[in-house]
């Protein structure tokens, strides 16, 4: 039964557009944290609505923690990767290494850690 497959269940949320890129952007932030606006600025093409939805899904899955500073105007939301979210980053790095070996010729990418990536 494909619905019961662990890979299938995981891909249902991690395979959604922007999901892995959002995780990487949080990983690049100081303390694995970024404000909503910082993530949006670093992901050209993502809408605020989609980013909000994806961050909520990541929070529901326990990969991200949200902190809200209600005393500021506008309200400031920060998102931090959890231990589980950091484990997903390791999976992303494995995918990156595979792609660099098999599919993509990107010397600049291969020469740096995803945390330091400015691409």
PDB file of N, CA and C in Angstrom:
ATOM      1  N   UNK A   1       0.824  -1.173   0.000  1.00  0.00           N
ATOM      2  CA  UNK A   1       0.000   0.000   0.000  1.00  0.00           C
ATOM      3  C   UNK A   1       0.876   1.246   0.000  1.00  0.00           C
ATOM      4  N   UNK A   2       0.767   1.990  -1.067  1.00  0.00           N
ATOM      5  CA  UNK A   2       1.617   3.166  -1.223  1.00  0.00           C
ATOM      6  C   UNK A   2       1.328   4.244  -0.186  1.00  0.00           C
ATOM      7  N   UNK A   3       0.085   4.400   0.237  1.00  0.00           N
ATOM      8  CA  UNK A   3      -0.253   5.424   1.224  1.00  0.00           C
ATOM      9  C   UNK A   3       0.445   5.193   2.558  1.00  0.00           C
ATOM     10  N   UNK A   4       0.767   3.937   2.853  1.00  0.00           N
ATOM     11  CA  UNK A   4       1.423   3.611   4.109  1.00  0.00           C
ATOM     12  C   UNK A   4       2.939   3.702   4.010  1.00  0.00           C
ATOM     13  N   UNK A   5       3.463   3.895   2.822  1.00  0.00           N
ATOM     14  CA  UNK A   5       4.902   3.965   2.606  1.00  0.00           C
ATOM     15  C   UNK A   5       5.483   5.196   3.302  1.00  0.00           C
ATOM     16  N   UNK A   6       6.529   4.994   4.073  1.00  0.00           N
ATOM     17  CA  UNK A   6       7.168   6.087   4.808  1.00  0.00           C
ATOM     18  C   UNK A   6       7.672   7.171   3.860  1.00  0.00           C
ATOM     19  N   UNK A   7       8.276   6.787   2.761  1.00  0.00           N
ATOM     20  CA  UNK A   7       8.786   7.767   1.795  1.00  0.00           C
ATOM     21  C   UNK A   7       7.636   8.570   1.224  1.00  0.00           C
ATOM     22  N   UNK A   8       6.555   7.906   0.851  1.00  0.00           N
ATOM     23  CA  UNK A   8       5.380   8.586   0.310  1.00  0.00           C
ATOM     24  C   UNK A   8       4.815   9.593   1.307  1.00  0.00           C
ATOM     25  N   UNK A   9       4.690   9.187   2.553  1.00  0.00           N
ATOM     26  CA  UNK A   9       4.148  10.075   3.576  1.00  0.00           C
ATOM     27  C   UNK A   9       5.043  11.295   3.791  1.00  0.00           C
ATOM     28  N   UNK A  10       6.349  11.102   3.756  1.00  0.00           N
ATOM     29  CA  UNK A  10       7.296  12.202   3.960  1.00  0.00           C
ATOM     30  C   UNK A  10       7.308  13.156   2.775  1.00  0.00           C
ATOM     31  N   UNK A  11       7.268  12.604   1.572  1.00  0.00           N
ATOM     32  CA  UNK A  11       7.286  13.433   0.359  1.00  0.00           C
ATOM     33  C   UNK A  11       6.026  14.288   0.258  1.00  0.00           C
ATOM     34  N   UNK A  12       4.934  13.839   0.858  1.00  0.00           N
ATOM     35  CA  UNK A  12       3.694  14.619   0.799  1.00  0.00           C
ATOM     36  C   UNK A  12       3.883  16.028   1.335  1.00  0.00           C
ATOM     37  N   UNK A  13       4.725  16.201   2.348  1.00  0.00           N
ATOM     38  CA  UNK A  13       4.932  17.570   2.833  1.00  0.00           C
ATOM     39  C   UNK A  13       6.304  18.121   2.460  1.00  0.00           C
ATOM     40  N   UNK A  14       7.344  17.318   2.484  1.00  0.00           N
ATOM     41  CA  UNK A  14       8.668  17.854   2.126  1.00  0.00           C
ATOM     42  C   UNK A  14       8.820  18.093   0.631  1.00  0.00           C
ATOM     43  N   UNK A  15       8.031  17.408  -0.180  1.00  0.00           N
ATOM     44  CA  UNK A  15       8.121  17.561  -1.625  1.00  0.00           C
ATOM     45  C   UNK A  15       7.356  18.755  -2.172  1.00  0.00           C
ATOM     46  N   UNK A  16       6.647  19.454  -1.316  1.00  0.00           N
ATOM     47  CA  UNK A  16       5.904  20.625  -1.788  1.00  0.00           C
ATOM     48  C   UNK A  16       6.875  21.726  -2.205  1.00  0.00           C
ATOM     49  N   UNK A  17       6.463  22.486  -3.214  1.00  0.00           N
ATOM     50  CA  UNK A  17       7.297  23.566  -3.729  1.00  0.00           C
ATOM     51  C   UNK A  17       7.711  24.500  -2.591  1.00  0.00           C
ATOM     52  N   UNK A  18       8.964  24.863  -2.567  1.00  0.00           N
ATOM     53  CA  UNK A  18       9.592  25.800  -1.631  1.00  0.00           C
ATOM     54  C   UNK A  18      10.001  25.182  -0.300  1.00  0.00           C
ATOM     55  N   UNK A  19       9.486  24.019   0.052  1.00  0.00           N
ATOM     56  CA  UNK A  19       9.695  23.478   1.388  1.00  0.00           C
ATOM     57  C   UNK A  19      11.184  23.321   1.737  1.00  0.00           C
ATOM     58  N   UNK A  20      11.943  22.649   0.894  1.00  0.00           N
ATOM     59  CA  UNK A  20      13.358  22.427   1.191  1.00  0.00           C
ATOM     60  C   UNK A  20      14.152  23.724   1.131  1.00  0.00           C
ATOM     61  N   UNK A  21      13.771  24.619   0.236  1.00  0.00           N
ATOM     62  CA  UNK A  21      14.469  25.905   0.141  1.00  0.00           C
ATOM     63  C   UNK A  21      14.214  26.769   1.378  1.00  0.00           C
ATOM     64  N   UNK A  22      13.032  26.695   1.933  1.00  0.00           N
ATOM     65  CA  UNK A  22      12.735  27.421   3.175  1.00  0.00           C
ATOM     66  C   UNK A  22      13.593  26.863   4.309  1.00  0.00           C
ATOM     67  N   UNK A  23      13.681  25.554   4.395  1.00  0.00           N
ATOM     68  CA  UNK A  23      14.517  24.919   5.422  1.00  0.00           C
ATOM     69  C   UNK A  23      15.957  25.391   5.274  1.00  0.00           C
ATOM     70  N   UNK A  24      16.469  25.418   4.046  1.00  0.00           N
ATOM     71  CA  UNK A  24      17.850  25.881   3.821  1.00  0.00           C
ATOM     72  C   UNK A  24      18.029  27.337   4.217  1.00  0.00           C
ATOM     73  N   UNK A  25      17.057  28.176   3.936  1.00  0.00           N
ATOM     74  CA  UNK A  25      17.180  29.589   4.318  1.00  0.00           C
ATOM     75  C   UNK A  25      17.212  29.747   5.835  1.00  0.00           C
ATOM     76  N   UNK A  26      16.418  28.979   6.541  1.00  0.00           N
ATOM     77  CA  UNK A  26      16.466  29.025   7.998  1.00  0.00           C
ATOM     78  C   UNK A  26      17.821  28.535   8.500  1.00  0.00           C
ATOM     79  N   UNK A  27      18.346  27.514   7.874  1.00  0.00           N
ATOM     80  CA  UNK A  27      19.653  26.954   8.230  1.00  0.00           C
ATOM     81  C   UNK A  27      20.758  28.006   8.093  1.00  0.00           C
ATOM     82  N   UNK A  28      20.642  28.864   7.107  1.00  0.00           N
ATOM     83  CA  UNK A  28      21.653  29.893   6.858  1.00  0.00           C
ATOM     84  C   UNK A  28      21.585  31.044   7.855  1.00  0.00           C
ATOM     85  N   UNK A  29      20.483  31.175   8.556  1.00  0.00           N
ATOM     86  CA  UNK A  29      20.315  32.273   9.507  1.00  0.00           C
ATOM     87  C   UNK A  29      21.123  32.059  10.780  1.00  0.00           C
ATOM     88  N   UNK A  30      21.435  33.148  11.453  1.00  0.00           N
ATOM     89  CA  UNK A  30      22.157  33.066  12.728  1.00  0.00           C
ATOM     90  C   UNK A  30      21.299  32.295  13.730  1.00  0.00           C
ATOM     91  N   UNK A  31      21.885  31.250  14.310  1.00  0.00           N
ATOM     92  CA  UNK A  31      21.119  30.400  15.224  1.00  0.00           C
ATOM     93  C   UNK A  31      20.040  29.609  14.524  1.00  0.00           C
ATOM     94  N   UNK A  32      20.203  29.413  13.203  1.00  0.00           N
ATOM     95  CA  UNK A  32      19.225  28.702  12.360  1.00  0.00           C
ATOM     96  C   UNK A  32      17.863  29.375  12.428  1.00  0.00           C
ATOM     97  N   UNK A  33      17.887  30.702  12.510  1.00  0.00           N
ATOM     98  CA  UNK A  33      16.679  31.495  12.678  1.00  0.00           C
ATOM     99  C   UNK A  33      16.639  32.617  11.653  1.00  0.00           C
ATOM    100  N   UNK A  34      15.454  32.882  11.139  1.00  0.00           N
ATOM    101  CA  UNK A  34      15.233  34.033  10.262  1.00  0.00           C
ATOM    102  C   UNK A  34      13.831  34.574  10.517  1.00  0.00           C
ATOM    103  N   UNK A  35      13.695  35.859  10.272  1.00  0.00           N
ATOM    104  CA  UNK A  35      12.371  36.477  10.308  1.00  0.00           C
ATOM    105  C   UNK A  35      11.639  36.130   9.019  1.00  0.00           C
ATOM    106  N   UNK A  36      10.335  36.199   9.071  1.00  0.00           N
ATOM    107  CA  UNK A  36       9.489  35.920   7.907  1.00  0.00           C
ATOM    108  C   UNK A  36       9.957  36.751   6.708  1.00  0.00           C
ATOM    109  N   UNK A  37      10.167  38.055   6.931  1.00  0.00           N
ATOM    110  CA  UNK A  37      10.547  38.942   5.826  1.00  0.00           C
ATOM    111  C   UNK A  37      11.910  38.577   5.246  1.00  0.00           C
ATOM    112  N   UNK A  38      12.825  38.105   6.077  1.00  0.00           N
ATOM    113  CA  UNK A  38      14.143  37.694   5.582  1.00  0.00           C
ATOM    114  C   UNK A  38      14.028  36.494   4.647  1.00  0.00           C
ATOM    115  N   UNK A  39      13.223  35.521   5.045  1.00  0.00           N
ATOM    116  CA  UNK A  39      13.039  34.337   4.195  1.00  0.00           C
ATOM    117  C   UNK A  39      12.410  34.760   2.873  1.00  0.00           C
ATOM    118  N   UNK A  40      11.393  35.597   2.945  1.00  0.00           N
ATOM    119  CA  UNK A  40      10.703  36.049   1.730  1.00  0.00           C
ATOM    120  C   UNK A  40      11.664  36.774   0.789  1.00  0.00           C
ATOM    121  N   UNK A  41      12.513  37.637   1.321  1.00  0.00           N
ATOM    122  CA  UNK A  41      13.475  38.379   0.495  1.00  0.00           C
ATOM    123  C   UNK A  41      14.479  37.465  -0.188  1.00  0.00           C
ATOM    124  N   UNK A  42      14.823  36.366   0.457  1.00  0.00           N
ATOM    125  CA  UNK A  42      15.854  35.463  -0.061  1.00  0.00           C
ATOM    126  C   UNK A  42      15.309  34.406  -1.009  1.00  0.00           C
ATOM    127  N   UNK A  43      13.996  34.356  -1.150  1.00  0.00           N
ATOM    128  CA  UNK A  43      13.367  33.391  -2.058  1.00  0.00           C
ATOM    129  C   UNK A  43      12.517  34.138  -3.080  1.00  0.00           C
ATOM    130  N   UNK A  44      13.158  34.731  -4.084  1.00  0.00           N
ATOM    131  CA  UNK A  44      12.397  35.460  -5.102  1.00  0.00           C
ATOM    132  C   UNK A  44      11.354  34.556  -5.748  1.00  0.00           C
ATOM    133  N   UNK A  45      10.157  35.088  -5.865  1.00  0.00           N
ATOM    134  CA  UNK A  45       9.089  34.330  -6.513  1.00  0.00           C
ATOM    135  C   UNK A  45       8.101  33.708  -5.544  1.00  0.00           C
ATOM    136  N   UNK A  46       8.486  33.541  -4.296  1.00  0.00           N
ATOM    137  CA  UNK A  46       7.530  32.977  -3.341  1.00  0.00           C
ATOM    138  C   UNK A  46       6.596  34.087  -2.872  1.00  0.00           C
ATOM    139  N   UNK A  47       5.322  33.759  -2.767  1.00  0.00           N
ATOM    140  CA  UNK A  47       4.363  34.752  -2.277  1.00  0.00           C
ATOM    141  C   UNK A  47       4.290  34.663  -0.752  1.00  0.00           C
ATOM    142  N   UNK A  48       3.848  35.739  -0.130  1.00  0.00           N
ATOM    143  CA  UNK A  48       3.693  35.754   1.321  1.00  0.00           C
ATOM    144  C   UNK A  48       2.707  34.665   1.762  1.00  0.00           C
ATOM    145  N   UNK A  49       1.664  34.454   0.986  1.00  0.00           N
ATOM    146  CA  UNK A  49       0.655  33.453   1.323  1.00  0.00           C
ATOM    147  C   UNK A  49       1.249  32.045   1.329  1.00  0.00           C
ATOM    148  N   UNK A  50       2.028  31.728   0.295  1.00  0.00           N
ATOM    149  CA  UNK A  50       2.640  30.399   0.212  1.00  0.00           C
ATOM    150  C   UNK A  50       3.687  30.232   1.308  1.00  0.00           C
ATOM    151  N   UNK A  51       4.512  31.248   1.530  1.00  0.00           N
ATOM    152  CA  UNK A  51       5.524  31.163   2.573  1.00  0.00           C
ATOM    153  C   UNK A  51       4.864  30.936   3.932  1.00  0.00           C
ATOM    154  N   UNK A  52       3.828  31.669   4.212  1.00  0.00           N
ATOM    155  CA  UNK A  52       3.114  31.514   5.475  1.00  0.00           C
ATOM    156  C   UNK A  52       2.571  30.094   5.625  1.00  0.00           C
ATOM    157  N   UNK A  53       1.985  29.573   4.562  1.00  0.00           N
ATOM    158  CA  UNK A  53       1.427  28.212   4.595  1.00  0.00           C
ATOM    159  C   UNK A  53       2.524  27.177   4.810  1.00  0.00           C
ATOM    160  N   UNK A  54       3.636  27.322   4.094  1.00  0.00           N
ATOM    161  CA  UNK A  54       4.732  26.353   4.223  1.00  0.00           C
ATOM    162  C   UNK A  54       5.355  26.402   5.616  1.00  0.00           C
ATOM    163  N   UNK A  55       5.554  27.597   6.156  1.00  0.00           N
ATOM    164  CA  UNK A  55       6.113  27.713   7.497  1.00  0.00           C
ATOM    165  C   UNK A  55       5.177  27.085   8.529  1.00  0.00           C
ATOM    166  N   UNK A  56       3.890  27.250   8.345  1.00  0.00           N
ATOM    167  CA  UNK A  56       2.917  26.635   9.257  1.00  0.00           C
ATOM    168  C   UNK A  56       3.000  25.110   9.176  1.00  0.00           C
ATOM    169  N   UNK A  57       3.120  24.584   7.959  1.00  0.00           N
ATOM    170  CA  UNK A  57       3.244  23.132   7.789  1.00  0.00           C
ATOM    171  C   UNK A  57       4.527  22.616   8.438  1.00  0.00           C
ATOM    172  N   UNK A  58       5.628  23.345   8.259  1.00  0.00           N
ATOM    173  CA  UNK A  58       6.886  22.936   8.871  1.00  0.00           C
ATOM    174  C   UNK A  58       6.790  22.965  10.393  1.00  0.00           C
ATOM    175  N   UNK A  59       6.067  23.947  10.896  1.00  0.00           N
ATOM    176  CA  UNK A  59       5.851  24.040  12.345  1.00  0.00           C
ATOM    177  C   UNK A  59       5.004  22.855  12.831  1.00  0.00           C
ATOM    178  N   UNK A  60       3.945  22.528  12.099  1.00  0.00           N
ATOM    179  CA  UNK A  60       3.083  21.400  12.470  1.00  0.00           C
ATOM    180  C   UNK A  60       3.836  20.076  12.446  1.00  0.00           C
ATOM    181  N   UNK A  61       4.817  19.961  11.557  1.00  0.00           N
ATOM    182  CA  UNK A  61       5.615  18.731  11.457  1.00  0.00           C
ATOM    183  C   UNK A  61       6.751  18.696  12.483  1.00  0.00           C
ATOM    184  N   UNK A  62       6.919  19.779  13.237  1.00  0.00           N
ATOM    185  CA  UNK A  62       7.956  19.812  14.266  1.00  0.00           C
ATOM    186  C   UNK A  62       9.347  20.116  13.738  1.00  0.00           C
ATOM    187  N   UNK A  63       9.420  20.649  12.523  1.00  0.00           N
ATOM    188  CA  UNK A  63      10.724  20.970  11.933  1.00  0.00           C
ATOM    189  C   UNK A  63      11.129  22.412  12.211  1.00  0.00           C
ATOM    190  N   UNK A  64      10.165  23.241  12.568  1.00  0.00           N
ATOM    191  CA  UNK A  64      10.381  24.665  12.785  1.00  0.00           C
ATOM    192  C   UNK A  64       9.611  25.103  14.029  1.00  0.00           C
ATOM    193  N   UNK A  65      10.215  26.019  14.777  1.00  0.00           N
ATOM    194  CA  UNK A  65       9.518  26.652  15.895  1.00  0.00           C
ATOM    195  C   UNK A  65       9.304  28.116  15.550  1.00  0.00           C
ATOM    196  N   UNK A  66       8.128  28.621  15.877  1.00  0.00           N
ATOM    197  CA  UNK A  66       7.788  30.016  15.599  1.00  0.00           C
ATOM    198  C   UNK A  66       7.810  30.799  16.905  1.00  0.00           C
ATOM    199  N   UNK A  67       8.391  31.994  16.818  1.00  0.00           N
ATOM    200  CA  UNK A  67       8.376  32.909  17.961  1.00  0.00           C
ATOM    201  C   UNK A  67       7.835  34.244  17.481  1.00  0.00           C
ATOM    202  N   UNK A  68       6.864  34.774  18.190  1.00  0.00           N
ATOM    203  CA  UNK A  68       6.218  36.024  17.806  1.00  0.00           C
ATOM    204  C   UNK A  68       6.517  37.082  18.859  1.00  0.00           C
ATOM    205  N   UNK A  69       6.977  38.229  18.396  1.00  0.00           N
ATOM    206  CA  UNK A  69       7.165  39.386  19.277  1.00  0.00           C
ATOM    207  C   UNK A  69       6.001  40.327  19.026  1.00  0.00           C
ATOM    208  N   UNK A  70       4.965  40.183  19.838  1.00  0.00           N
ATOM    209  CA  UNK A  70       3.739  40.954  19.637  1.00  0.00           C
ATOM    210  C   UNK A  70       3.903  42.414  20.052  1.00  0.00           C
ATOM    211  N   UNK A  71       4.926  42.728  20.834  1.00  0.00           N
ATOM    212  CA  UNK A  71       5.122  44.083  21.307  1.00  0.00           C
ATOM    213  C   UNK A  71       5.731  45.018  20.283  1.00  0.00           C
ATOM    214  N   UNK A  72       6.032  44.516  19.098  1.00  0.00           N
ATOM    215  CA  UNK A  72       6.618  45.349  18.050  1.00  0.00           C
ATOM    216  C   UNK A  72       5.569  45.671  17.000  1.00  0.00           C
ATOM    217  N   UNK A  73       5.791  46.775  16.309  1.00  0.00           N
ATOM    218  CA  UNK A  73       4.896  47.153  15.204  1.00  0.00           C
ATOM    219  C   UNK A  73       5.763  47.298  13.962  1.00  0.00           C
ATOM    220  N   UNK A  74       5.535  46.525  12.910  1.00  0.00           N
ATOM    221  CA  UNK A  74       4.570  45.425  12.853  1.00  0.00           C
ATOM    222  C   UNK A  74       5.022  44.249  13.726  1.00  0.00           C
ATOM    223  N   UNK A  75       4.115  43.322  13.973  1.00  0.00           N
ATOM    224  CA  UNK A  75       4.435  42.129  14.751  1.00  0.00           C
ATOM    225  C   UNK A  75       5.578  41.399  14.055  1.00  0.00           C
ATOM    226  N   UNK A  76       6.527  40.947  14.837  1.00  0.00           N
ATOM    227  CA  UNK A  76       7.722  40.308  14.280  1.00  0.00           C
ATOM    228  C   UNK A  76       7.660  38.800  14.540  1.00  0.00           C
ATOM    229  N   UNK A  77       7.745  38.025  13.469  1.00  0.00           N
ATOM    230  CA  UNK A  77       7.740  36.567  13.587  1.00  0.00           C
ATOM    231  C   UNK A  77       9.101  36.024  13.195  1.00  0.00           C
ATOM    232  N   UNK A  78       9.643  35.164  14.036  1.00  0.00           N
ATOM    233  CA  UNK A  78      10.904  34.489  13.742  1.00  0.00           C
ATOM    234  C   UNK A  78      10.676  32.989  13.729  1.00  0.00           C
ATOM    235  N   UNK A  79      11.406  32.331  12.853  1.00  0.00           N
ATOM    236  CA  UNK A  79      11.285  30.891  12.701  1.00  0.00           C
ATOM    237  C   UNK A  79      12.656  30.264  12.875  1.00  0.00           C
ATOM    238  N   UNK A  80      12.720  29.213  13.674  1.00  0.00           N
ATOM    239  CA  UNK A  80      13.979  28.535  13.982  1.00  0.00           C
ATOM    240  C   UNK A  80      13.838  27.053  13.695  1.00  0.00           C
ATOM    241  N   UNK A  81      14.866  26.480  13.080  1.00  0.00           N
ATOM    242  CA  UNK A  81      14.870  25.040  12.852  1.00  0.00           C
ATOM    243  C   UNK A  81      14.992  24.309  14.184  1.00  0.00           C
ATOM    244  N   UNK A  82      14.246  23.250  14.338  1.00  0.00           N
ATOM    245  CA  UNK A  82      14.361  22.369  15.507  1.00  0.00           C
ATOM    246  C   UNK A  82      15.461  21.353  15.219  1.00  0.00           C
ATOM    247  N   UNK A  83      15.737  20.492  16.176  1.00  0.00           N
ATOM    248  CA  UNK A  83      16.696  19.408  15.956  1.00  0.00           C
ATOM    249  C   UNK A  83      16.276  18.538  14.783  1.00  0.00           C
ATOM    250  N   UNK A  84      15.003  18.291  14.689  1.00  0.00           N
ATOM    251  CA  UNK A  84      14.466  17.501  13.577  1.00  0.00           C
ATOM    252  C   UNK A  84      14.670  18.225  12.245  1.00  0.00           C
ATOM    253  N   UNK A  85      14.477  19.544  12.249  1.00  0.00           N
ATOM    254  CA  UNK A  85      14.711  20.340  11.043  1.00  0.00           C
ATOM    255  C   UNK A  85      16.168  20.303  10.621  1.00  0.00           C
ATOM    256  N   UNK A  86      17.071  20.344  11.597  1.00  0.00           N
ATOM    257  CA  UNK A  86      18.506  20.261  11.285  1.00  0.00           C
ATOM    258  C   UNK A  86      18.871  18.899  10.698  1.00  0.00           C
ATOM    259  N   UNK A  87      18.176  17.852  11.122  1.00  0.00           N
ATOM    260  CA  UNK A  87      18.412  16.525  10.539  1.00  0.00           C
ATOM    261  C   UNK A  87      18.026  16.512   9.059  1.00  0.00           C
ATOM    262  N   UNK A  88      16.953  17.225   8.700  1.00  0.00           N
ATOM    263  CA  UNK A  88      16.539  17.304   7.294  1.00  0.00           C
ATOM    264  C   UNK A  88      17.620  18.014   6.470  1.00  0.00           C
ATOM    265  N   UNK A  89      18.294  18.998   7.066  1.00  0.00           N
ATOM    266  CA  UNK A  89      19.380  19.694   6.357  1.00  0.00           C
ATOM    267  C   UNK A  89      20.457  18.687   5.955  1.00  0.00           C
ATOM    268  N   UNK A  90      20.733  17.726   6.811  1.00  0.00           N
ATOM    269  CA  UNK A  90      21.733  16.709   6.468  1.00  0.00           C
ATOM    270  C   UNK A  90      21.287  15.894   5.263  1.00  0.00           C
ATOM    271  N   UNK A  91      19.990  15.612   5.166  1.00  0.00           N
ATOM    272  CA  UNK A  91      19.450  14.904   4.006  1.00  0.00           C
ATOM    273  C   UNK A  91      19.599  15.772   2.756  1.00  0.00           C
ATOM    274  N   UNK A  92      19.333  17.068   2.876  1.00  0.00           N
ATOM    275  CA  UNK A  92      19.482  17.993   1.751  1.00  0.00           C
ATOM    276  C   UNK A  92      20.936  18.013   1.275  1.00  0.00           C
ATOM    277  N   UNK A  93      21.880  17.971   2.215  1.00  0.00           N
ATOM    278  CA  UNK A  93      23.298  17.968   1.845  1.00  0.00           C
ATOM    279  C   UNK A  93      23.667  16.697   1.073  1.00  0.00           C
ATOM    280  N   UNK A  94      23.072  15.574   1.456  1.00  0.00           N
ATOM    281  CA  UNK A  94      23.316  14.321   0.722  1.00  0.00           C
ATOM    282  C   UNK A  94      22.777  14.450  -0.697  1.00  0.00           C
ATOM    283  N   UNK A  95      21.592  15.036  -0.848  1.00  0.00           N
ATOM    284  CA  UNK A  95      21.015  15.255  -2.180  1.00  0.00           C
ATOM    285  C   UNK A  95      21.931  16.166  -2.993  1.00  0.00           C
ATOM    286  N   UNK A  96      22.450  17.211  -2.369  1.00  0.00           N
ATOM    287  CA  UNK A  96      23.366  18.137  -3.037  1.00  0.00           C
ATOM    288  C   UNK A  96      24.611  17.395  -3.531  1.00  0.00           C
ATOM    289  N   UNK A  97      25.223  16.586  -2.653  1.00  0.00           N
ATOM    290  CA  UNK A  97      26.435  15.857  -3.058  1.00  0.00           C
ATOM    291  C   UNK A  97      26.143  14.905  -4.217  1.00  0.00           C
ATOM    292  N   UNK A  98      24.991  14.240  -4.174  1.00  0.00           N
ATOM    293  CA  UNK A  98      24.613  13.343  -5.257  1.00  0.00           C
ATOM    294  C   UNK A  98      24.465  14.129  -6.559  1.00  0.00           C
ATOM    295  N   UNK A  99      23.763  15.258  -6.491  1.00  0.00           N
ATOM    296  CA  UNK A  99      23.533  16.065  -7.692  1.00  0.00           C
ATOM    297  C   UNK A  99      24.842  16.582  -8.271  1.00  0.00           C
ATOM    298  N   UNK A 100      25.765  17.000  -7.412  1.00  0.00           N
ATOM    299  CA  UNK A 100      27.054  17.497  -7.901  1.00  0.00           C
ATOM    300  C   UNK A 100      27.867  16.386  -8.558  1.00  0.00           C
ATOM    301  N   UNK A 101      27.744  15.158  -8.068  1.00  0.00           N
ATOM    302  CA  UNK A 101      28.466  14.031  -8.666  1.00  0.00           C
ATOM    303  C   UNK A 101      27.813  13.538  -9.951  1.00  0.00           C
ATOM    304  N   UNK A 102      26.492  13.558 -10.010  1.00  0.00           N
ATOM    305  CA  UNK A 102      25.787  12.874 -11.088  1.00  0.00           C
ATOM    306  C   UNK A 102      25.081  13.769 -12.090  1.00  0.00           C
ATOM    307  N   UNK A 103      24.632  14.936 -11.686  1.00  0.00           N
ATOM    308  CA  UNK A 103      23.717  15.686 -12.539  1.00  0.00           C
ATOM    309  C   UNK A 103      24.126  17.121 -12.845  1.00  0.00           C
ATOM    310  N   UNK A 104      24.753  17.790 -11.908  1.00  0.00           N
ATOM    311  CA  UNK A 104      24.939  19.229 -12.044  1.00  0.00           C
ATOM    312  C   UNK A 104      26.408  19.597 -11.911  1.00  0.00           C
ATOM    313  N   UNK A 105      26.899  20.375 -12.854  1.00  0.00           N
ATOM    314  CA  UNK A 105      28.273  20.853 -12.819  1.00  0.00           C
ATOM    315  C   UNK A 105      28.258  22.261 -12.225  1.00  0.00           C
ATOM    316  N   UNK A 106      28.501  22.352 -10.932  1.00  0.00           N
ATOM    317  CA  UNK A 106      28.446  23.634 -10.247  1.00  0.00           C
ATOM    318  C   UNK A 106      29.597  23.693  -9.248  1.00  0.00           C
ATOM    319  N   UNK A 107      30.773  24.098  -9.712  1.00  0.00           N
ATOM    320  CA  UNK A 107      31.960  24.114  -8.875  1.00  0.00           C
ATOM    321  C   UNK A 107      31.806  25.037  -7.674  1.00  0.00           C
ATOM    322  N   UNK A 108      31.170  26.181  -7.866  1.00  0.00           N
ATOM    323  CA  UNK A 108      30.994  27.122  -6.755  1.00  0.00           C
ATOM    324  C   UNK A 108      30.179  26.484  -5.636  1.00  0.00           C
ATOM    325  N   UNK A 109      29.138  25.766  -6.000  1.00  0.00           N
ATOM    326  CA  UNK A 109      28.278  25.113  -5.013  1.00  0.00           C
ATOM    327  C   UNK A 109      29.034  23.997  -4.295  1.00  0.00           C
ATOM    328  N   UNK A 110      29.788  23.239  -5.039  1.00  0.00           N
ATOM    329  CA  UNK A 110      30.521  22.125  -4.461  1.00  0.00           C
ATOM    330  C   UNK A 110      31.633  22.549  -3.520  1.00  0.00           C
ATOM    331  N   UNK A 111      32.067  23.793  -3.623  1.00  0.00           N
ATOM    332  CA  UNK A 111      33.184  24.285  -2.818  1.00  0.00           C
ATOM    333  C   UNK A 111      32.742  24.894  -1.490  1.00  0.00           C
ATOM    334  N   UNK A 112      31.456  24.896  -1.208  1.00  0.00           N
ATOM    335  CA  UNK A 112      31.008  25.525   0.040  1.00  0.00           C
ATOM    336  C   UNK A 112      29.918  24.717   0.724  1.00  0.00           C
ATOM    337  N   UNK A 113      29.806  24.950   2.018  1.00  0.00           N
ATOM    338  CA  UNK A 113      28.743  24.336   2.797  1.00  0.00           C
ATOM    339  C   UNK A 113      27.446  25.091   2.550  1.00  0.00           C
ATOM    340  N   UNK A 114      26.331  24.405   2.622  1.00  0.00           N
ATOM    341  CA  UNK A 114      25.028  25.052   2.379  1.00  0.00           C
ATOM    342  C   UNK A 114      24.799  26.227   3.332  1.00  0.00           C
ATOM    343  N   UNK A 115      25.352  26.160   4.531  1.00  0.00           N
ATOM    344  CA  UNK A 115      25.176  27.251   5.498  1.00  0.00           C
ATOM    345  C   UNK A 115      25.805  28.542   4.988  1.00  0.00           C
ATOM    346  N   UNK A 116      26.897  28.411   4.237  1.00  0.00           N
ATOM    347  CA  UNK A 116      27.626  29.583   3.727  1.00  0.00           C
ATOM    348  C   UNK A 116      27.200  29.980   2.333  1.00  0.00           C
ATOM    349  N   UNK A 117      26.252  29.277   1.758  1.00  0.00           N
ATOM    350  CA  UNK A 117      25.839  29.515   0.367  1.00  0.00           C
ATOM    351  C   UNK A 117      25.241  30.901   0.185  1.00  0.00           C
ATOM    352  N   UNK A 118      25.720  31.570  -0.844  1.00  0.00           N
ATOM    353  CA  UNK A 118      25.182  32.892  -1.161  1.00  0.00           C
ATOM    354  C   UNK A 118      24.505  32.883  -2.516  1.00  0.00           C
ATOM    355  N   UNK A 119      24.395  31.711  -3.137  1.00  0.00           N
ATOM    356  CA  UNK A 119      23.792  31.609  -4.465  1.00  0.00           C
ATOM    357  C   UNK A 119      22.323  31.946  -4.422  1.00  0.00           C
TER     358      UNK A 119
END
